[in-house]
C-alpha atoms as a PDB file:
ATOM      1  CA  MET A   1      11.080  -9.328  -8.790  1.00  0.00           C
ATOM      2  CA  ALA A   2      11.713  -5.755 -10.087  1.00  0.00           C
ATOM      3  CA  ASP A   3      13.061  -3.103  -7.818  1.00  0.00           C
ATOM      4  CA  VAL A   4      10.805  -0.101  -7.166  1.00  0.00           C
ATOM      5  CA  ASN A   5      12.412   3.059  -5.944  1.00  0.00           C
ATOM      6  CA  ILE A   6      10.128   4.749  -3.450  1.00  0.00           C
ATOM      7  CA  GLN A   7      10.830   8.313  -2.539  1.00  0.00           C
ATOM      8  CA  VAL A   8       9.129  11.361  -1.051  1.00  0.00           C
ATOM      9  CA  SER A   9       7.618  13.847  -3.540  1.00  0.00           C
ATOM     10  CA  GLN A  10       9.418  17.149  -4.061  1.00  0.00           C
ATOM     11  CA  ASP A  11       6.896  19.000  -1.867  1.00  0.00           C
ATOM     12  CA  GLY A  12       7.247  16.303   0.887  1.00  0.00           C
ATOM     13  CA  SER A  13       3.559  15.464   1.031  1.00  0.00           C
ATOM     14  CA  ARG A  14       3.457  11.890  -0.381  1.00  0.00           C
ATOM     15  CA  LEU A  15       5.364   8.814  -1.440  1.00  0.00           C
ATOM     16  CA  VAL A  16       5.994   8.334  -5.131  1.00  0.00           C
ATOM     17  CA  THR A  17       7.657   5.758  -7.342  1.00  0.00           C
ATOM     18  CA  ASN A  18      10.775   6.431  -9.336  1.00  0.00           C
ATOM     19  CA  ASP A  19       8.493   7.469 -12.174  1.00  0.00           C
ATOM     20  CA  LYS A  20       6.952  10.092  -9.829  1.00  0.00           C
ATOM     21  CA  LEU A  21       3.635   8.253  -9.635  1.00  0.00           C
ATOM     22  CA  THR A  22       1.721   8.889  -6.395  1.00  0.00           C
ATOM     23  CA  LEU A  23       1.230   6.010  -4.068  1.00  0.00           C
ATOM     24  CA  TYR A  24      -2.168   5.344  -2.519  1.00  0.00           C
ATOM     25  CA  TYR A  25      -3.539   3.057   0.210  1.00  0.00           C
ATOM     26  CA  PHE A  26      -6.988   1.607   0.609  1.00  0.00           C
ATOM     27  CA  MET A  27      -8.666   3.048   3.746  1.00  0.00           C
ATOM     28  CA  PRO A  28     -11.290   0.304   4.394  1.00  0.00           C
ATOM     29  CA  GLN A  29      -8.403  -2.249   4.907  1.00  0.00           C
ATOM     30  CA  ARG A  30      -8.955  -3.623   8.395  1.00  0.00           C
ATOM     31  CA  TYR A  31      -8.136  -6.652  10.569  1.00  0.00           C
ATOM     32  CA  ASP A  32     -10.933  -8.802  11.959  1.00  0.00           C
ATOM     33  CA  PRO A  33      -9.872 -11.685  14.198  1.00  0.00           C
ATOM     34  CA  THR A  34     -13.130 -13.455  13.440  1.00  0.00           C
ATOM     35  CA  HIS A  35     -11.787 -14.053   9.881  1.00  0.00           C
ATOM     36  CA  ASP A  36      -8.667 -15.953  11.008  1.00  0.00           C
ATOM     37  CA  GLY A  37      -6.394 -13.060  10.365  1.00  0.00           C
ATOM     38  CA  LYS A  38      -7.563 -12.613   6.765  1.00  0.00           C
ATOM     39  CA  ILE A  39      -8.530  -9.155   5.438  1.00  0.00           C
ATOM     40  CA  PRO A  40     -12.303  -9.462   4.993  1.00  0.00           C
ATOM     41  CA  TRP A  41     -12.617  -6.861   2.220  1.00  0.00           C
ATOM     42  CA  MET A  42     -10.366  -8.878  -0.069  1.00  0.00           C
ATOM     43  CA  ALA A  43     -12.692 -11.948   0.132  1.00  0.00           C
ATOM     44  CA  ASP A  44     -15.967  -9.989   0.290  1.00  0.00           C
ATOM     45  CA  PHE A  45     -15.272  -7.073  -1.959  1.00  0.00           C
ATOM     46  CA  PRO A  46     -18.690  -5.784  -3.310  1.00  0.00           C
ATOM     47  CA  SER A  47     -19.219  -6.797  -6.939  1.00  0.00           C
ATOM     48  CA  TYR A  48     -20.496  -3.347  -7.896  1.00  0.00           C
ATOM     49  CA  LEU A  49     -17.046  -1.900  -7.238  1.00  0.00           C
ATOM     50  CA  LEU A  50     -15.037  -4.505  -9.121  1.00  0.00           C
ATOM     51  CA  ASP A  51     -14.745  -2.447 -12.267  1.00  0.00           C
ATOM     52  CA  TRP A  52     -13.891   0.688 -10.293  1.00  0.00           C
ATOM     53  CA  ILE A  53     -11.096  -0.993  -8.255  1.00  0.00           C
ATOM     54  CA  GLU A  54      -9.270  -1.878 -11.479  1.00  0.00           C
ATOM     55  CA  ASP A  55      -8.278   1.740 -11.807  1.00  0.00           C
ATOM     56  CA  TRP A  56      -5.824   1.264  -8.967  1.00  0.00           C
ATOM     57  CA  ASP A  57      -2.792  -0.938  -9.779  1.00  0.00           C
ATOM     58  CA  PRO A  58      -1.207  -2.919  -6.952  1.00  0.00           C
ATOM     59  CA  LEU A  59       2.448  -1.901  -6.514  1.00  0.00           C
ATOM     60  CA  THR A  60       4.464  -5.098  -6.874  1.00  0.00           C
ATOM     61  CA  GLY A  61       8.210  -5.721  -6.710  1.00  0.00           C
ATOM     62  CA  LYS A  62      10.940  -5.021  -4.233  1.00  0.00           C
ATOM     63  CA  ALA A  63      10.996  -1.660  -2.361  1.00  0.00           C
ATOM     64  CA  ARG A  64      14.172   0.426  -2.478  1.00  0.00           C
ATOM     65  CA  ILE A  65      14.644   3.941  -0.946  1.00  0.00           C
ATOM     66  CA  PRO A  66      17.178   6.494  -1.942  1.00  0.00           C
ATOM     67  CA  TYR A  67      20.113   7.001   0.500  1.00  0.00           C
ATOM     68  CA  GLY A  68      20.346   3.456   1.750  1.00  0.00           C
ATOM     69  CA  GLY A  69      18.371   1.670   4.469  1.00  0.00           C
ATOM     70  CA  LYS A  70      17.019   4.927   6.128  1.00  0.00           C
ATOM     71  CA  ASN A  71      16.712   8.376   4.581  1.00  0.00           C
ATOM     72  CA  LYS A  72      16.245  12.003   5.625  1.00  0.00           C
ATOM     73  CA  PHE A  73      12.462  11.794   5.493  1.00  0.00           C
ATOM     74  CA  GLY A  74      12.433   9.053   8.097  1.00  0.00           C
ATOM     75  CA  LEU A  75      11.556   6.222   5.565  1.00  0.00           C
ATOM     76  CA  ASP A  76      13.215   3.007   6.612  1.00  0.00           C
ATOM     77  CA  LEU A  77      13.346  -0.240   4.563  1.00  0.00           C
ATOM     78  CA  ASP A  78      11.797  -1.895   7.712  1.00  0.00           C
ATOM     79  CA  ASP A  79       8.638   0.085   6.964  1.00  0.00           C
ATOM     80  CA  PHE A  80       8.090  -1.962   3.811  1.00  0.00           C
ATOM     81  CA  LYS A  81       6.731  -5.568   3.833  1.00  0.00           C
ATOM     82  CA  TYR A  82       5.483  -7.843   1.118  1.00  0.00           C
ATOM     83  CA  ILE A  83       2.446 -10.061   0.555  1.00  0.00           C
ATOM     84  CA  THR A  84       1.887 -12.617  -2.171  1.00  0.00           C
ATOM     85  CA  ARG A  85      -1.275 -11.599  -4.049  1.00  0.00           C
ATOM     86  CA  LYS A  86      -3.901 -14.332  -4.236  1.00  0.00           C
ATOM     87  CA  GLY A  87      -5.904 -13.013  -7.132  1.00  0.00           C
ATOM     88  CA  GLY A  88      -6.333 -10.365  -9.770  1.00  0.00           C
ATOM     89  CA  PRO A  89      -4.077  -9.412 -12.643  1.00  0.00           C
ATOM     90  CA  LYS A  90      -0.929  -9.603 -10.560  1.00  0.00           C
ATOM     91  CA  ALA A  91      -1.763 -12.887  -8.814  1.00  0.00           C
ATOM     92  CA  GLN A  92       1.323 -14.536  -7.259  1.00  0.00           C
ATOM     93  CA  GLU A  93       3.349 -11.396  -7.408  1.00  0.00           C
ATOM     94  CA  GLN A  94       4.726  -9.688  -4.237  1.00  0.00           C
ATOM     95  CA  GLN A  95       2.750  -6.566  -3.377  1.00  0.00           C
ATOM     96  CA  ILE A  96       4.531  -3.888  -1.470  1.00  0.00           C
ATOM     97  CA  MET A  97       3.108  -2.666   1.824  1.00  0.00           C
ATOM     98  CA  PHE A  98       4.094   0.520   3.703  1.00  0.00           C
ATOM     99  CA  ARG A  99       3.553   0.153   7.453  1.00  0.00           C
ATOM    100  CA  TYR A 100       1.230  -2.785   6.636  1.00  0.00           C
ATOM    101  CA  TRP A 101      -0.953  -0.670   4.249  1.00  0.00           C
ATOM    102  CA  TYR A 102      -1.064  -2.167   0.727  1.00  0.00           C
ATOM    103  CA  LEU A 103       0.325   0.220  -1.897  1.00  0.00           C
ATOM    104  CA  TYR A 104      -1.288   1.117  -5.232  1.00  0.00           C
ATOM    105  CA  THR A 105      -0.896   3.518  -8.094  1.00  0.00           C
ATOM    106  CA  TYR A 106      -3.807   5.079  -9.950  1.00  0.00           C
ATOM    107  CA  LYS A 107      -4.013   4.401 -13.661  1.00  0.00           C
ATOM    108  CA  GLY A 108      -5.285   7.988 -14.316  1.00  0.00           C
ATOM    109  CA  ASP A 109      -2.213   9.651 -12.830  1.00  0.00           C
ATOM    110  CA  GLY A 110       0.813  10.889 -14.666  1.00  0.00           C
ATOM    111  CA  PRO A 111       4.060  12.001 -13.036  1.00  0.00           C
ATOM    112  CA  ASN A 112       3.446  14.370 -10.074  1.00  0.00           C
ATOM    113  CA  GLN A 113      -0.341  14.024 -10.333  1.00  0.00           C
ATOM    114  CA  ILE A 114      -2.877  13.147  -7.539  1.00  0.00           C
ATOM    115  CA  ASN A 115      -6.056  12.129  -9.412  1.00  0.00           C
ATOM    116  CA  GLY A 116      -6.737   8.894  -7.613  1.00  0.00           C
ATOM    117  CA  GLU A 117      -7.600  10.242  -4.148  1.00  0.00           C
ATOM    118  CA  VAL A 118     -11.159   9.356  -3.164  1.00  0.00           C
ATOM    119  CA  ASN A 119     -11.812  10.756   0.326  1.00  0.00           C
ATOM    120  CA  GLY A 120     -12.209   8.020   2.954  1.00  0.00           C
ATOM    121  CA  ILE A 121     -11.434   5.250   0.460  1.00  0.00           C
ATOM    122  CA  TRP A 122      -8.291   5.837  -1.461  1.00  0.00           C
ATOM    123  CA  GLN A 123      -5.741   8.140   0.107  1.00  0.00           C
ATOM    124  CA  ARG A 124      -2.303   9.301  -0.915  1.00  0.00           C
ATOM    125  CA  VAL A 125       0.493   7.814   1.227  1.00  0.00           C
ATOM    126  CA  SER A 126       2.254  10.468   3.263  1.00  0.00           C
ATOM    127  CA  PRO A 127       5.755   9.829   4.634  1.00  0.00           C
ATOM    128  CA  ASP A 128       4.377  10.010   8.205  1.00  0.00           C
ATOM    129  CA  LEU A 129       1.444   7.609   7.638  1.00  0.00           C
ATOM    130  CA  ILE A 130       0.929   5.721  10.927  1.00  0.00           C
ATOM    131  CA  SER A 131       1.008   1.923  10.921  1.00  0.00           C
ATOM    132  CA  LEU A 132      -2.144  -0.045  10.384  1.00  0.00           C
ATOM    133  CA  ALA A 133      -2.053  -1.286  13.987  1.00  0.00           C
ATOM    134  CA  ASP A 134      -1.774   2.278  15.296  1.00  0.00           C
ATOM    135  CA  TYR A 135      -4.671   3.388  13.047  1.00  0.00           C
ATOM    136  CA  LEU A 136      -6.915   0.625  14.286  1.00  0.00           C
ATOM    137  CA  GLY A 137      -5.778   1.013  17.855  1.00  0.00           C
ATOM    138  CA  ASP A 138      -5.038  -2.630  18.094  1.00  0.00           C
ATOM    139  CA  GLU A 139      -1.500  -3.419  19.035  1.00  0.00           C
ATOM    140  CA  SER A 140      -2.310  -7.138  19.410  1.00  0.00           C
ATOM    141  CA  MET A 141      -3.174  -7.625  15.809  1.00  0.00           C
ATOM    142  CA  PRO A 142      -0.728 -10.123  14.159  1.00  0.00           C
ATOM    143  CA  LEU A 143       0.868  -7.838  11.686  1.00  0.00           C
ATOM    144  CA  GLU A 144       3.308 -10.380  10.470  1.00  0.00           C
ATOM    145  CA  SER A 145       0.389 -12.420   9.076  1.00  0.00           C
ATOM    146  CA  TYR A 146      -0.284  -9.400   6.821  1.00  0.00           C
ATOM    147  CA  ALA A 147       3.172  -9.754   5.473  1.00  0.00           C
ATOM    148  CA  SER A 148       2.838 -13.411   4.644  1.00  0.00           C
ATOM    149  CA  GLY A 149      -0.549 -13.289   2.962  1.00  0.00           C
ATOM    150  CA  PRO A 150      -4.252 -13.155   3.858  1.00  0.00           C
END
């Protein structure tokens, strides 16, 4: 598993890879206890969006952050979890999550670009992004099941 250095952009607004590629998360990600802890959109993703979703590449590997286990921007290695992908071009690889949000890069971005943001669907990852449980307002959701796979 390759190391991925994750850092804060020079302007402090977003997380980037060591290649300065902006990281994104998928907003419709949600927890639904009626699906046995699985993430419904992964199983029921609308077919008309399948070509479109391929423009975002799952970030796989092992997260590393500059300055050790915690840095000046408040990033902590404990903020990063991993899930084994069940399908797609990176099946069986470990996808990196930040505060339980799955991380992606956009294939149309170059270094220091933000071309992949789609309001309400794909958002850039800010260093102060709240955890998925806080976003959903559900402290009882089993976050560890996210880290072990849907």
